[in-house]
Amino acid sequence: AVVSTQSTGGVIALQPLFFGVAHLHHAVELFRAGTAVSHILFSLVFKTAYTSIFGAFSCYSLLSTGSIFGPIISHAFCNTMGFPDFSGIKDASHPKLLSTVYLLGLTLFVFMCPTLLDCQSFSSIYC
């Protein structure tokens, strides 16, 4: 229903909010484990933010390729890998190199997505 009433940009902006909110159940798990409320709130905001960003990527991928397989594989990969542990950088044998590689990977991902997910290449109906 959302796709039929919203522009493609509107869908990419709106859908990730639902995806982020769908992950709020983690707060209940933390609460039941006796975690401090301040930590729960920080975790809640952080997880909602990054899952919303991932939701935007997934939606963009789906609309660009017209295939559900890319978002499913991306979601499985992200669930398996988890959020990167940046706290380990300072203890690494080469922290500057590791920081550079993280930054390079993020930069390449951001700049390559529009090219790799060009809807003209996939003949998507959402172009």
N, C-alpha and C. Protein backbone atom coordinates (compact mmCIF):
# COMPACT_ATOMS: atom_id res chain seq x y z
N ALA A 1 0.82 -1.19 0.00
CA ALA A 1 0.00 0.00 0.00
C ALA A 1 0.86 1.26 0.00
N VAL A 2 2.00 1.21 0.68
CA VAL A 2 2.86 2.38 0.74
C VAL A 2 3.43 2.69 -0.63
N VAL A 3 3.81 1.65 -1.39
CA VAL A 3 4.42 1.85 -2.70
C VAL A 3 3.44 2.54 -3.64
N SER A 4 2.16 2.19 -3.56
CA SER A 4 1.20 2.75 -4.49
C SER A 4 0.84 4.20 -4.18
N THR A 5 1.06 4.66 -2.95
CA THR A 5 0.68 6.02 -2.58
C THR A 5 1.86 6.96 -2.41
N GLN A 6 3.08 6.46 -2.48
CA GLN A 6 4.27 7.27 -2.26
C GLN A 6 5.15 7.27 -3.49
N SER A 7 5.95 8.32 -3.63
CA SER A 7 6.98 8.33 -4.67
C SER A 7 8.08 7.36 -4.25
N THR A 8 8.96 7.02 -5.18
CA THR A 8 10.08 6.14 -4.86
C THR A 8 10.92 6.72 -3.74
N GLY A 9 11.20 8.01 -3.81
CA GLY A 9 11.97 8.68 -2.75
C GLY A 9 11.24 8.63 -1.41
N GLY A 10 9.92 8.79 -1.45
CA GLY A 10 9.13 8.71 -0.23
C GLY A 10 9.19 7.34 0.40
N VAL A 11 9.15 6.31 -0.44
CA VAL A 11 9.24 4.93 0.07
C VAL A 11 10.61 4.70 0.70
N ILE A 12 11.67 5.16 0.04
CA ILE A 12 13.02 4.97 0.56
C ILE A 12 13.19 5.74 1.87
N ALA A 13 12.49 6.84 2.05
CA ALA A 13 12.58 7.62 3.29
C ALA A 13 11.69 7.04 4.39
N LEU A 14 10.52 6.50 4.05
CA LEU A 14 9.55 6.05 5.04
C LEU A 14 9.78 4.61 5.49
N GLN A 15 10.05 3.72 4.59
CA GLN A 15 10.18 2.30 4.91
C GLN A 15 11.25 2.03 5.97
N PRO A 16 12.42 2.66 5.94
CA PRO A 16 13.44 2.37 6.95
C PRO A 16 12.99 2.66 8.38
N LEU A 17 12.08 3.59 8.55
CA LEU A 17 11.60 3.88 9.90
C LEU A 17 10.86 2.66 10.47
N PHE A 18 10.07 2.00 9.64
CA PHE A 18 9.40 0.77 10.07
C PHE A 18 10.41 -0.32 10.37
N PHE A 19 11.43 -0.41 9.54
CA PHE A 19 12.48 -1.42 9.73
C PHE A 19 13.20 -1.16 11.05
N GLY A 20 13.52 0.10 11.33
CA GLY A 20 14.19 0.45 12.58
C GLY A 20 13.33 0.17 13.79
N VAL A 21 12.06 0.53 13.73
CA VAL A 21 11.14 0.31 14.84
C VAL A 21 10.94 -1.19 15.08
N ALA A 22 11.02 -1.98 14.03
CA ALA A 22 10.86 -3.43 14.19
C ALA A 22 11.96 -4.05 15.04
N HIS A 23 13.04 -3.32 15.26
CA HIS A 23 14.14 -3.82 16.07
C HIS A 23 14.11 -3.31 17.51
N LEU A 24 13.03 -2.65 17.90
CA LEU A 24 12.94 -2.09 19.26
C LEU A 24 12.78 -3.18 20.32
N HIS A 25 12.44 -4.38 19.93
CA HIS A 25 12.27 -5.46 20.91
C HIS A 25 13.55 -5.74 21.67
N HIS A 26 14.70 -5.31 21.13
CA HIS A 26 15.97 -5.51 21.83
C HIS A 26 15.98 -4.76 23.16
N ALA A 27 15.25 -3.65 23.25
CA ALA A 27 15.18 -2.89 24.50
C ALA A 27 14.52 -3.72 25.60
N VAL A 28 13.51 -4.48 25.25
CA VAL A 28 12.83 -5.34 26.22
C VAL A 28 13.80 -6.40 26.75
N GLU A 29 14.59 -6.97 25.85
CA GLU A 29 15.58 -7.97 26.26
C GLU A 29 16.58 -7.38 27.24
N LEU A 30 17.05 -6.16 26.96
CA LEU A 30 18.01 -5.49 27.85
C LEU A 30 17.36 -5.18 29.20
N PHE A 31 16.11 -4.74 29.18
CA PHE A 31 15.40 -4.43 30.42
C PHE A 31 15.25 -5.67 31.29
N ARG A 32 14.88 -6.78 30.67
CA ARG A 32 14.72 -8.04 31.41
C ARG A 32 16.04 -8.54 31.97
N ALA A 33 17.14 -8.18 31.31
CA ALA A 33 18.46 -8.59 31.78
C ALA A 33 18.98 -7.69 32.89
N GLY A 34 18.22 -6.64 33.24
CA GLY A 34 18.62 -5.74 34.33
C GLY A 34 19.57 -4.63 33.91
N THR A 35 19.61 -4.32 32.64
CA THR A 35 20.48 -3.27 32.12
C THR A 35 19.97 -1.91 32.58
N ALA A 36 20.88 -0.98 32.86
CA ALA A 36 20.51 0.37 33.29
C ALA A 36 19.68 1.06 32.21
N VAL A 37 18.70 1.84 32.64
CA VAL A 37 17.80 2.52 31.71
C VAL A 37 18.56 3.44 30.77
N SER A 38 19.58 4.14 31.28
CA SER A 38 20.36 5.05 30.42
C SER A 38 21.04 4.28 29.29
N HIS A 39 21.56 3.09 29.61
CA HIS A 39 22.19 2.26 28.58
C HIS A 39 21.15 1.75 27.57
N ILE A 40 19.98 1.39 28.08
CA ILE A 40 18.91 0.92 27.20
C ILE A 40 18.50 2.02 26.23
N LEU A 41 18.35 3.24 26.72
CA LEU A 41 17.95 4.36 25.86
C LEU A 41 19.00 4.65 24.80
N PHE A 42 20.28 4.66 25.20
CA PHE A 42 21.36 4.88 24.24
C PHE A 42 21.35 3.78 23.18
N SER A 43 21.25 2.53 23.64
CA SER A 43 21.23 1.39 22.73
C SER A 43 20.05 1.47 21.77
N LEU A 44 18.91 1.87 22.31
CA LEU A 44 17.68 1.98 21.52
C LEU A 44 17.83 3.01 20.40
N VAL A 45 18.34 4.17 20.73
CA VAL A 45 18.53 5.23 19.73
C VAL A 45 19.56 4.79 18.68
N PHE A 46 20.66 4.21 19.16
CA PHE A 46 21.73 3.78 18.26
C PHE A 46 21.24 2.68 17.30
N LYS A 47 20.59 1.64 17.85
CA LYS A 47 20.13 0.54 17.00
C LYS A 47 19.05 0.99 16.03
N THR A 48 18.16 1.86 16.49
CA THR A 48 17.11 2.35 15.59
C THR A 48 17.74 3.15 14.45
N ALA A 49 18.76 3.95 14.76
CA ALA A 49 19.43 4.75 13.73
C ALA A 49 20.12 3.85 12.70
N TYR A 50 20.94 2.92 13.17
CA TYR A 50 21.68 2.14 12.15
C TYR A 50 20.81 1.13 11.44
N THR A 51 19.76 0.62 12.09
CA THR A 51 18.87 -0.28 11.35
C THR A 51 18.02 0.50 10.35
N SER A 52 17.72 1.75 10.66
CA SER A 52 17.00 2.59 9.69
C SER A 52 17.87 2.90 8.48
N ILE A 53 19.14 3.15 8.72
CA ILE A 53 20.07 3.38 7.60
C ILE A 53 20.18 2.11 6.75
N PHE A 54 20.30 0.96 7.40
CA PHE A 54 20.34 -0.29 6.66
C PHE A 54 19.03 -0.53 5.91
N GLY A 55 17.91 -0.16 6.54
CA GLY A 55 16.60 -0.29 5.89
C GLY A 55 16.52 0.55 4.62
N ALA A 56 17.11 1.75 4.66
CA ALA A 56 17.13 2.61 3.47
C ALA A 56 17.94 1.94 2.36
N PHE A 57 19.09 1.38 2.74
CA PHE A 57 19.91 0.67 1.74
C PHE A 57 19.14 -0.51 1.15
N SER A 58 18.48 -1.29 2.00
CA SER A 58 17.72 -2.45 1.52
C SER A 58 16.60 -2.04 0.58
N CYS A 59 15.90 -0.98 0.96
CA CYS A 59 14.80 -0.49 0.12
C CYS A 59 15.33 0.01 -1.22
N TYR A 60 16.42 0.76 -1.18
CA TYR A 60 17.07 1.26 -2.39
C TYR A 60 17.50 0.09 -3.28
N SER A 61 18.08 -0.93 -2.65
CA SER A 61 18.51 -2.12 -3.39
C SER A 61 17.32 -2.83 -4.04
N LEU A 62 16.25 -2.99 -3.29
CA LEU A 62 15.05 -3.65 -3.82
C LEU A 62 14.46 -2.87 -4.99
N LEU A 63 14.31 -1.58 -4.82
CA LEU A 63 13.71 -0.77 -5.88
C LEU A 63 14.63 -0.64 -7.10
N SER A 64 15.94 -0.64 -6.88
CA SER A 64 16.88 -0.52 -8.00
C SER A 64 16.97 -1.79 -8.82
N THR A 65 16.98 -2.93 -8.15
CA THR A 65 17.18 -4.19 -8.86
C THR A 65 15.87 -4.89 -9.19
N GLY A 66 14.81 -4.57 -8.46
CA GLY A 66 13.54 -5.25 -8.66
C GLY A 66 13.55 -6.67 -8.12
N SER A 67 14.57 -7.01 -7.34
CA SER A 67 14.71 -8.36 -6.80
C SER A 67 14.82 -8.30 -5.28
N ILE A 68 14.17 -9.21 -4.61
CA ILE A 68 14.21 -9.29 -3.15
C ILE A 68 15.47 -10.00 -2.66
N PHE A 69 16.17 -10.70 -3.54
CA PHE A 69 17.31 -11.50 -3.12
C PHE A 69 18.48 -10.67 -2.58
N GLY A 70 18.77 -9.52 -3.17
CA GLY A 70 19.85 -8.67 -2.68
C GLY A 70 19.63 -8.21 -1.25
N PRO A 71 18.47 -7.64 -0.96
CA PRO A 71 18.21 -7.24 0.43
C PRO A 71 18.22 -8.42 1.41
N ILE A 72 17.72 -9.57 1.00
CA ILE A 72 17.71 -10.73 1.90
C ILE A 72 19.15 -11.18 2.20
N ILE A 73 19.97 -11.25 1.16
CA ILE A 73 21.37 -11.67 1.36
C ILE A 73 22.12 -10.63 2.19
N SER A 74 21.88 -9.35 1.92
CA SER A 74 22.53 -8.28 2.70
C SER A 74 22.12 -8.36 4.17
N HIS A 75 20.84 -8.60 4.43
CA HIS A 75 20.35 -8.69 5.80
C HIS A 75 20.96 -9.90 6.51
N ALA A 76 21.02 -11.03 5.83
CA ALA A 76 21.63 -12.23 6.43
C ALA A 76 23.11 -11.98 6.73
N PHE A 77 23.81 -11.34 5.81
CA PHE A 77 25.22 -11.03 6.01
C PHE A 77 25.41 -10.10 7.21
N CYS A 78 24.60 -9.05 7.28
CA CYS A 78 24.72 -8.09 8.39
C CYS A 78 24.36 -8.74 9.72
N ASN A 79 23.35 -9.60 9.74
CA ASN A 79 23.01 -10.29 10.98
C ASN A 79 24.13 -11.23 11.42
N THR A 80 24.79 -11.86 10.46
CA THR A 80 25.88 -12.77 10.78
C THR A 80 27.10 -12.01 11.29
N MET A 81 27.45 -10.92 10.62
CA MET A 81 28.65 -10.16 10.96
C MET A 81 28.45 -9.26 12.17
N GLY A 82 27.25 -8.74 12.33
CA GLY A 82 27.00 -7.80 13.42
C GLY A 82 27.57 -6.42 13.10
N PHE A 83 27.36 -5.49 14.02
CA PHE A 83 27.90 -4.15 13.84
C PHE A 83 29.41 -4.19 14.08
N PRO A 84 30.20 -3.49 13.27
CA PRO A 84 31.66 -3.53 13.46
C PRO A 84 32.07 -3.11 14.87
N ASP A 85 33.06 -3.80 15.42
CA ASP A 85 33.57 -3.49 16.76
C ASP A 85 34.73 -2.50 16.64
N PHE A 86 34.38 -1.24 16.67
CA PHE A 86 35.40 -0.19 16.52
C PHE A 86 36.26 -0.06 17.77
N SER A 87 35.81 -0.61 18.89
CA SER A 87 36.60 -0.48 20.13
C SER A 87 37.91 -1.27 20.03
N GLY A 88 37.98 -2.25 19.15
CA GLY A 88 39.19 -3.04 19.00
C GLY A 88 40.28 -2.35 18.21
N ILE A 89 39.97 -1.22 17.61
CA ILE A 89 40.96 -0.52 16.78
C ILE A 89 42.17 -0.09 17.61
N LYS A 90 41.92 0.45 18.79
CA LYS A 90 43.03 0.98 19.60
C LYS A 90 43.98 -0.11 20.08
N ASP A 91 43.49 -1.35 20.18
CA ASP A 91 44.32 -2.46 20.63
C ASP A 91 44.94 -3.25 19.48
N ALA A 92 44.61 -2.88 18.25
CA ALA A 92 45.14 -3.60 17.09
C ALA A 92 46.63 -3.32 16.94
N SER A 93 47.33 -4.22 16.26
CA SER A 93 48.77 -4.03 16.08
C SER A 93 49.07 -2.84 15.17
N HIS A 94 48.15 -2.52 14.26
CA HIS A 94 48.32 -1.37 13.36
C HIS A 94 47.01 -0.57 13.35
N PRO A 95 46.75 0.21 14.40
CA PRO A 95 45.46 0.91 14.50
C PRO A 95 45.20 1.92 13.38
N LYS A 96 46.24 2.60 12.92
CA LYS A 96 46.05 3.57 11.83
C LYS A 96 45.66 2.86 10.54
N LEU A 97 46.30 1.75 10.27
CA LEU A 97 45.98 0.98 9.06
C LEU A 97 44.55 0.44 9.14
N LEU A 98 44.17 -0.10 10.28
CA LEU A 98 42.83 -0.63 10.45
C LEU A 98 41.78 0.47 10.31
N SER A 99 42.05 1.64 10.90
CA SER A 99 41.13 2.78 10.76
C SER A 99 41.00 3.20 9.31
N THR A 100 42.12 3.22 8.61
CA THR A 100 42.11 3.59 7.19
C THR A 100 41.31 2.59 6.37
N VAL A 101 41.47 1.32 6.65
CA VAL A 101 40.74 0.28 5.91
C VAL A 101 39.23 0.39 6.18
N TYR A 102 38.85 0.61 7.44
CA TYR A 102 37.43 0.82 7.77
C TYR A 102 36.87 2.00 6.98
N LEU A 103 37.59 3.12 7.02
CA LEU A 103 37.13 4.33 6.34
C LEU A 103 37.09 4.14 4.83
N LEU A 104 38.08 3.47 4.28
CA LEU A 104 38.12 3.20 2.85
C LEU A 104 36.95 2.30 2.44
N GLY A 105 36.67 1.27 3.23
CA GLY A 105 35.55 0.38 2.93
C GLY A 105 34.23 1.12 2.95
N LEU A 106 34.02 1.97 3.95
CA LEU A 106 32.77 2.74 4.03
C LEU A 106 32.66 3.71 2.86
N THR A 107 33.75 4.38 2.52
CA THR A 107 33.75 5.33 1.41
C THR A 107 33.45 4.63 0.08
N LEU A 108 34.11 3.52 -0.17
CA LEU A 108 33.86 2.78 -1.41
C LEU A 108 32.42 2.28 -1.47
N PHE A 109 31.89 1.80 -0.34
CA PHE A 109 30.51 1.33 -0.31
C PHE A 109 29.55 2.46 -0.69
N VAL A 110 29.72 3.61 -0.07
CA VAL A 110 28.83 4.75 -0.33
C VAL A 110 28.91 5.21 -1.78
N PHE A 111 30.11 5.28 -2.32
CA PHE A 111 30.26 5.79 -3.68
C PHE A 111 29.97 4.74 -4.76
N MET A 112 30.11 3.46 -4.44
CA MET A 112 29.87 2.42 -5.43
C MET A 112 28.42 1.98 -5.51
N CYS A 113 27.65 2.19 -4.45
CA CYS A 113 26.24 1.74 -4.45
C CYS A 113 25.43 2.29 -5.63
N PRO A 114 25.48 3.58 -5.90
CA PRO A 114 24.69 4.07 -7.03
C PRO A 114 25.08 3.42 -8.36
N THR A 115 26.35 3.13 -8.54
CA THR A 115 26.81 2.49 -9.78
C THR A 115 26.41 1.03 -9.82
N LEU A 116 26.64 0.31 -8.73
CA LEU A 116 26.34 -1.12 -8.69
C LEU A 116 24.85 -1.41 -8.67
N LEU A 117 24.07 -0.48 -8.16
CA LEU A 117 22.62 -0.68 -8.07
C LEU A 117 21.85 0.23 -9.03
N ASP A 118 22.46 0.56 -10.15
CA ASP A 118 21.80 1.40 -11.15
C ASP A 118 20.59 0.68 -11.72
N CYS A 119 19.41 1.26 -11.54
CA CYS A 119 18.18 0.58 -11.95
C CYS A 119 18.11 0.36 -13.46
N GLN A 120 18.82 1.15 -14.26
CA GLN A 120 18.84 0.93 -15.71
C GLN A 120 19.54 -0.40 -16.05
N SER A 121 20.52 -0.78 -15.23
CA SER A 121 21.24 -2.03 -15.46
C SER A 121 20.37 -3.24 -15.20
N PHE A 122 19.37 -3.09 -14.33
CA PHE A 122 18.52 -4.20 -13.94
C PHE A 122 17.15 -4.14 -14.58
N SER A 123 16.90 -3.13 -15.40
CA SER A 123 15.59 -2.93 -16.04
C SER A 123 14.47 -2.96 -14.99
N SER A 124 14.71 -2.30 -13.88
CA SER A 124 13.73 -2.26 -12.81
C SER A 124 12.50 -1.44 -13.22
N ILE A 125 11.35 -1.87 -12.80
CA ILE A 125 10.12 -1.13 -13.11
C ILE A 125 10.01 0.14 -12.28
N TYR A 126 10.90 0.33 -11.32
CA TYR A 126 10.84 1.49 -10.45
C TYR A 126 11.73 2.63 -10.90
N CYS A 127 12.33 2.53 -12.07
CA CYS A 127 13.19 3.62 -12.58
C CYS A 127 12.38 4.85 -12.91
